[in-house]
């Protein structure tokens, strides 16, 4: 169990390697951009556009 916690701590502190860091930062940037675009579309009363943006960025 402590090995799992050690691995999670390494990932959370960006010490798990270059690829892991790039993927985490990319996912965070995508989440911020999608949230901003969805919020803007919702405030402009374009509910279907914000729904399409949300489903387009996070398939499923």
N, C-alpha and C. Protein backbone atom coordinates (compact mmCIF):
# COMPACT_ATOMS: atom_id res chain seq x y z
N UNK A 1 0.82 -1.20 0.00
CA UNK A 1 0.00 0.00 0.00
C UNK A 1 0.86 1.26 0.00
N UNK A 2 1.98 1.23 0.72
CA UNK A 2 2.82 2.43 0.79
C UNK A 2 3.50 2.71 -0.55
N UNK A 3 3.75 1.66 -1.36
CA UNK A 3 4.34 1.86 -2.69
C UNK A 3 3.37 2.63 -3.59
N UNK A 4 2.08 2.32 -3.47
CA UNK A 4 1.07 3.03 -4.26
C UNK A 4 1.03 4.50 -3.86
N UNK A 5 1.05 4.77 -2.58
CA UNK A 5 1.05 6.16 -2.11
C UNK A 5 2.31 6.90 -2.53
N UNK A 6 3.44 6.22 -2.50
CA UNK A 6 4.69 6.82 -2.94
C UNK A 6 4.63 7.16 -4.42
N UNK A 7 4.09 6.26 -5.24
CA UNK A 7 3.95 6.52 -6.67
C UNK A 7 2.99 7.68 -6.94
N UNK A 8 1.88 7.74 -6.23
CA UNK A 8 0.94 8.84 -6.40
C UNK A 8 1.56 10.17 -5.99
N UNK A 9 2.34 10.17 -4.94
CA UNK A 9 3.02 11.39 -4.51
C UNK A 9 4.03 11.84 -5.55
N UNK A 10 4.73 10.90 -6.17
CA UNK A 10 5.71 11.25 -7.21
C UNK A 10 5.00 11.86 -8.42
N UNK A 11 3.85 11.33 -8.78
CA UNK A 11 3.09 11.88 -9.91
C UNK A 11 2.55 13.26 -9.55
N UNK A 12 2.03 13.44 -8.36
CA UNK A 12 1.43 14.71 -7.95
C UNK A 12 2.47 15.82 -7.83
N UNK A 13 3.72 15.47 -7.57
CA UNK A 13 4.77 16.49 -7.42
C UNK A 13 5.64 16.59 -8.67
N UNK A 14 5.15 16.06 -9.80
CA UNK A 14 5.84 16.15 -11.10
C UNK A 14 7.23 15.52 -11.09
N UNK A 15 7.41 14.44 -10.34
CA UNK A 15 8.70 13.76 -10.30
C UNK A 15 8.61 12.36 -10.91
N UNK A 16 7.57 12.08 -11.67
CA UNK A 16 7.37 10.74 -12.22
C UNK A 16 7.92 10.60 -13.62
N UNK A 17 8.52 11.62 -14.17
CA UNK A 17 9.09 11.54 -15.50
C UNK A 17 8.50 12.59 -16.43
N UNK A 18 9.20 12.78 -17.54
CA UNK A 18 8.82 13.82 -18.49
C UNK A 18 7.46 13.54 -19.12
N UNK A 19 7.21 12.32 -19.58
CA UNK A 19 5.94 12.01 -20.25
C UNK A 19 4.75 12.21 -19.33
N UNK A 20 4.88 11.79 -18.10
CA UNK A 20 3.78 11.95 -17.14
C UNK A 20 3.50 13.43 -16.90
N UNK A 21 4.54 14.22 -16.79
CA UNK A 21 4.38 15.65 -16.56
C UNK A 21 3.69 16.32 -17.75
N UNK A 22 4.11 15.96 -18.97
CA UNK A 22 3.50 16.54 -20.17
C UNK A 22 2.03 16.17 -20.26
N UNK A 23 1.70 14.93 -19.99
CA UNK A 23 0.29 14.49 -20.05
C UNK A 23 -0.54 15.20 -18.99
N UNK A 24 -0.02 15.33 -17.78
CA UNK A 24 -0.77 16.00 -16.72
C UNK A 24 -0.99 17.47 -17.03
N UNK A 25 0.03 18.15 -17.53
CA UNK A 25 -0.13 19.56 -17.87
C UNK A 25 -1.06 19.75 -19.07
N UNK A 26 -1.00 18.85 -20.03
CA UNK A 26 -1.90 18.92 -21.18
C UNK A 26 -3.34 18.71 -20.78
N UNK A 27 -3.58 17.74 -19.91
CA UNK A 27 -4.94 17.48 -19.44
C UNK A 27 -5.48 18.67 -18.63
N UNK A 28 -4.61 19.29 -17.83
CA UNK A 28 -5.03 20.46 -17.06
C UNK A 28 -5.35 21.63 -17.98
N UNK A 29 -4.53 21.84 -19.01
CA UNK A 29 -4.78 22.93 -19.95
C UNK A 29 -6.07 22.69 -20.73
N UNK A 30 -6.30 21.46 -21.14
CA UNK A 30 -7.54 21.13 -21.85
C UNK A 30 -8.75 21.35 -20.96
N UNK A 31 -8.65 20.96 -19.71
CA UNK A 31 -9.76 21.16 -18.77
C UNK A 31 -10.06 22.64 -18.55
N UNK A 32 -9.02 23.45 -18.42
CA UNK A 32 -9.23 24.90 -18.25
C UNK A 32 -9.85 25.52 -19.49
N UNK A 33 -9.35 25.14 -20.66
CA UNK A 33 -9.87 25.72 -21.90
C UNK A 33 -11.32 25.30 -22.14
N UNK A 34 -11.63 24.03 -21.89
CA UNK A 34 -12.99 23.55 -22.09
C UNK A 34 -13.95 24.20 -21.08
N UNK A 35 -13.49 24.37 -19.86
CA UNK A 35 -14.32 25.03 -18.86
C UNK A 35 -14.61 26.48 -19.21
N UNK A 36 -13.58 27.18 -19.68
CA UNK A 36 -13.77 28.58 -20.07
C UNK A 36 -14.69 28.70 -21.27
N UNK A 37 -14.50 27.86 -22.28
CA UNK A 37 -15.35 27.91 -23.48
C UNK A 37 -16.79 27.53 -23.15
N UNK A 38 -16.97 26.52 -22.32
CA UNK A 38 -18.32 26.11 -21.94
C UNK A 38 -19.04 27.16 -21.12
N UNK A 39 -18.32 27.79 -20.20
CA UNK A 39 -18.91 28.84 -19.38
C UNK A 39 -19.29 30.04 -20.24
N UNK A 40 -18.41 30.43 -21.15
CA UNK A 40 -18.70 31.55 -22.03
C UNK A 40 -19.93 31.26 -22.89
N UNK A 41 -20.02 30.04 -23.44
CA UNK A 41 -21.17 29.69 -24.27
C UNK A 41 -22.45 29.67 -23.44
N UNK A 42 -22.36 29.20 -22.21
CA UNK A 42 -23.55 29.15 -21.36
C UNK A 42 -24.01 30.56 -20.98
N UNK A 43 -23.07 31.44 -20.70
CA UNK A 43 -23.43 32.81 -20.35
C UNK A 43 -24.01 33.56 -21.55
N UNK A 44 -23.63 33.17 -22.73
CA UNK A 44 -24.18 33.79 -23.93
C UNK A 44 -25.49 33.12 -24.35
N UNK A 45 -26.01 32.27 -23.48
CA UNK A 45 -27.28 31.56 -23.68
C UNK A 45 -27.25 30.67 -24.92
N UNK A 46 -26.13 29.98 -25.09
CA UNK A 46 -25.98 29.02 -26.17
C UNK A 46 -25.81 27.64 -25.52
N UNK A 47 -26.89 27.16 -24.93
CA UNK A 47 -26.83 25.93 -24.14
C UNK A 47 -26.40 24.73 -24.99
N UNK A 48 -26.88 24.62 -26.20
CA UNK A 48 -26.51 23.48 -27.03
C UNK A 48 -25.06 23.54 -27.44
N UNK A 49 -24.54 24.74 -27.67
CA UNK A 49 -23.13 24.87 -28.02
C UNK A 49 -22.25 24.47 -26.84
N UNK A 50 -22.61 24.90 -25.64
CA UNK A 50 -21.80 24.52 -24.48
C UNK A 50 -21.87 23.02 -24.23
N UNK A 51 -23.01 22.41 -24.49
CA UNK A 51 -23.14 20.96 -24.36
C UNK A 51 -22.28 20.26 -25.40
N UNK A 52 -22.25 20.78 -26.61
CA UNK A 52 -21.43 20.18 -27.67
C UNK A 52 -19.95 20.33 -27.36
N UNK A 53 -19.55 21.48 -26.82
CA UNK A 53 -18.15 21.68 -26.45
C UNK A 53 -17.76 20.70 -25.34
N UNK A 54 -18.62 20.52 -24.37
CA UNK A 54 -18.31 19.61 -23.28
C UNK A 54 -18.18 18.17 -23.78
N UNK A 55 -19.07 17.75 -24.65
CA UNK A 55 -18.99 16.38 -25.15
C UNK A 55 -17.90 16.21 -26.20
N UNK A 56 -17.55 17.29 -26.86
CA UNK A 56 -16.48 17.21 -27.85
C UNK A 56 -15.10 17.09 -27.20
N UNK A 57 -14.93 17.71 -26.04
CA UNK A 57 -13.63 17.65 -25.38
C UNK A 57 -13.49 16.44 -24.48
N UNK A 58 -14.58 15.92 -23.99
CA UNK A 58 -14.53 14.75 -23.13
C UNK A 58 -15.48 13.70 -23.72
N UNK A 59 -14.99 12.90 -24.65
CA UNK A 59 -15.88 11.94 -25.34
C UNK A 59 -16.61 11.02 -24.37
N UNK A 60 -17.83 10.78 -24.68
CA UNK A 60 -18.61 9.86 -23.85
C UNK A 60 -19.77 10.58 -23.31
